[in-house]
């Protein structure tokens, strides 16, 4: 099929968005050098804004090339359930009662571990919470882990390499940690129904391998950070005022209900509105909700949905032409430049794809989900919550890529060789 001019324009804009992502940290630095236009540079330096911005450019280009009616029809044809769900689950999971409940559980486990409390909490945040993502979904796990680790590892004044090392492991472990069930990881969710993959199949084929890799990665990172974490111990402001158990229970019930209704936006948005009312009614037990961060992440993902929908013409031929082993490594590499859920979705459209190729496609996509911020849907959530602890208030693409390579290699080896 010969690509249309509009498809070439869409591909060029997608490439521009990728380049913009890599340049985001440099744009943040320009804000301090050119204070007159600092607001514009800060806006363009926000990684979460990148794909939404270029998606808007695509819609404008489509309106000019194909007409406003076609541009509107294309935008309305996109499915925005995942971005909406991520916004809702991120806000609820980051609420103070949920964090208090998780913190109590982590503290109880930390007391049982033969390690200093702060070090135990870091290990639990990098190991157990990503695996819990298989129950509460990856976006919720990312939010919980990021907020748990923020005061322990991602602090101003800490050496930058320690933050990147922890971030690389966190992103990789969340990406593979959600594969113990069929609904928690976005790249699995995209194919599970079409390929009849249930949670029992996921646990037997992916889950135990992913769990082993998560434990190896978390243990290695905790050992590497052991001295730096010890220096950061001791300031858990969240524990200063207790949250009643009944309020924790209600928040956890809202989180569980939203997860159960993940495919039904009419339900989970309604639950979210009830949740907002409850937080107002019991405001004394709440901290400010992370609405700004969650909306920025939703904007990022929605932009990715709009831009990614026009990339099928070049991505699908690449996926369909490869043998299983080559498909694994291609998926591993391609997921760094396109959301892994979009990649597996395109693979699900290929007629007659074999069982081995199905496994290799999904395995490569989840193994590579920590390489970049755009590689996995929950990554922007983690970046939004943690980036203020990095130099210039932004996460460097090169630093993240370098830090994520070792845990990615562990994940790839586990899913490919075991």
Foldseek 3Di string as FASTA:
>chain_A
DDDDPLLVVLVVLLVVLLVLLQCLLVLLVVCVVCVVPNVVSPQSSQNLCRLLVSLVVSLVVCCVPPNNVVSVVLLVPFDLLVLLLLLLLLLLLLKLLNLLVVVVVQQVVLVVDPAPSLLSQQLCLQAVLLLCLLQLALLSSLNSSLVSCQLQFLAAPHDQLLVLLSLLSNQLLNLLSNQLAQQRFLQSVLQCVLVVPGNVNSNVQRNVLSNVLSNVSSVVSSVVCVVSSVVSDDDDPSPVDDADPVVSVVSVVLSNQSSVCSVPCVVNVVSSVVVVVVCVVVVVRTDDGPNVLSVSLSSSVSSLSSSLVSNLVPLLVVQVVDDQVVLLVVLLVVLQSHALNSNSNSVSPDPPDDPSNNLSNSLSLSLNRQQFQRSGSSSSSSQSSRQCSHPSSHDNNVSNNVSNVVSSVSSSCSSPPD
